[in-house]
């Protein structure tokens, strides 16, 4: 289900990004720095579109304070603002339209 971005010679479970931990965005590993929100980590990896909301409108990082809810993503089966949610090592983050069953 998840694609791994392990470089040749890297042990499974070791960080592949200069010692930074990783989380999963739609099945791909994304590095992050301690204290970053999901949105900041995705933006730092040049990922700006977060999928579509239930009405079909694109979601993205916009206000950065949770007021617009334009950055909604799914974490552990619940919708949350990516700009407010701290990311952690191994976290699995999906777009709202993704089936996380």
Protein backbone atom coordinates (compact mmCIF):
# COMPACT_ATOMS: atom_id res chain seq x y z
CA UNK A 1 0.00 0.00 0.00
CA UNK A 2 2.78 2.46 0.84
CA UNK A 3 5.65 3.26 -1.48
CA UNK A 4 9.00 3.45 0.29
CA UNK A 5 11.70 5.87 -0.81
CA UNK A 6 14.62 3.94 0.63
CA UNK A 7 17.94 4.59 -1.07
CA UNK A 8 20.17 1.63 -1.81
CA UNK A 9 22.01 0.60 1.32
CA UNK A 10 19.64 2.32 3.77
CA UNK A 11 18.32 -0.01 6.46
CA UNK A 12 14.53 -0.30 6.69
CA UNK A 13 13.23 2.13 9.31
CA UNK A 14 16.21 4.49 9.04
CA UNK A 15 15.60 8.04 7.90
CA UNK A 16 16.56 8.69 4.31
CA UNK A 17 16.71 12.48 4.56
CA UNK A 18 19.80 13.73 6.40
CA UNK A 19 18.67 12.20 9.69
CA UNK A 20 15.23 13.80 9.62
CA UNK A 21 12.21 11.62 10.44
CA UNK A 22 9.54 10.85 7.83
CA UNK A 23 5.76 10.70 7.64
CA UNK A 24 3.57 9.29 4.88
CA UNK A 25 1.58 11.52 2.53
CA UNK A 26 -0.69 9.53 0.24
CA UNK A 27 1.69 6.57 0.45
CA UNK A 28 4.97 8.43 -0.10
CA UNK A 29 7.51 9.29 2.58
CA UNK A 30 8.00 12.99 3.34
CA UNK A 31 10.76 14.32 5.60
CA UNK A 32 10.02 16.92 8.27
CA UNK A 33 11.68 18.89 11.03
CA UNK A 34 10.62 18.69 14.67
CA UNK A 35 7.79 21.07 15.47
CA UNK A 36 6.51 21.42 11.90
CA UNK A 37 2.85 21.17 11.00
CA UNK A 38 1.71 18.76 8.31
CA UNK A 39 1.20 21.71 5.94
CA UNK A 40 4.67 23.17 6.58
CA UNK A 41 6.33 19.78 6.01
CA UNK A 42 4.39 19.23 2.77
CA UNK A 43 5.20 22.76 1.56
CA UNK A 44 8.86 22.14 2.44
CA UNK A 45 8.77 19.15 0.08
CA UNK A 46 7.15 21.23 -2.67
CA UNK A 47 3.71 19.64 -2.19
CA UNK A 48 1.08 22.37 -2.35
CA UNK A 49 -2.16 20.64 -3.35
CA UNK A 50 -3.79 18.50 -0.65
CA UNK A 51 -6.48 16.85 -2.76
CA UNK A 52 -10.16 17.81 -2.94
CA UNK A 53 -12.80 18.52 -0.33
CA UNK A 54 -16.22 16.77 -0.38
CA UNK A 55 -17.56 19.50 -2.71
CA UNK A 56 -14.76 18.80 -5.20
CA UNK A 57 -12.81 22.00 -4.53
CA UNK A 58 -9.03 21.76 -4.24
CA UNK A 59 -7.54 21.89 -0.75
CA UNK A 60 -4.24 23.64 -0.07
CA UNK A 61 -2.15 25.52 2.49
CA UNK A 62 -3.62 29.02 2.63
CA UNK A 63 -4.08 30.99 5.87
CA UNK A 64 -1.79 28.99 8.15
CA UNK A 65 -3.93 29.60 11.26
CA UNK A 66 -6.85 27.19 10.81
CA UNK A 67 -9.42 29.87 10.01
CA UNK A 68 -10.12 29.02 6.36
CA UNK A 69 -10.03 25.19 6.64
CA UNK A 70 -8.68 25.10 3.11
CA UNK A 71 -5.96 22.62 4.13
CA UNK A 72 -8.14 19.80 5.47
CA UNK A 73 -6.53 16.35 5.35
CA UNK A 74 -7.33 13.00 6.97
CA UNK A 75 -5.25 11.69 9.90
CA UNK A 76 -6.32 8.52 11.72
CA UNK A 77 -9.70 8.64 9.99
CA UNK A 78 -10.55 12.18 11.06
CA UNK A 79 -10.46 15.44 9.13
CA UNK A 80 -8.05 18.01 10.53
CA UNK A 81 -6.40 21.25 9.45
CA UNK A 82 -2.92 20.44 8.11
CA UNK A 83 -1.67 23.89 9.18
CA UNK A 84 -2.48 23.21 12.86
CA UNK A 85 -1.67 19.50 13.22
CA UNK A 86 1.90 18.74 14.34
CA UNK A 87 3.47 15.99 12.27
CA UNK A 88 5.17 13.01 13.92
CA UNK A 89 7.42 10.21 12.71
CA UNK A 90 5.46 7.50 10.92
CA UNK A 91 2.21 9.53 10.76
CA UNK A 92 -0.06 8.52 7.87
CA UNK A 93 -1.77 11.50 6.21
CA UNK A 94 -4.29 11.17 3.39
CA UNK A 95 -6.28 13.56 1.25
CA UNK A 96 -9.95 13.81 2.20
CA UNK A 97 -11.01 11.93 -0.94
CA UNK A 98 -8.57 9.05 -0.34
CA UNK A 99 -10.00 5.84 1.03
CA UNK A 100 -8.07 5.07 4.23
CA UNK A 101 -9.82 1.81 4.95
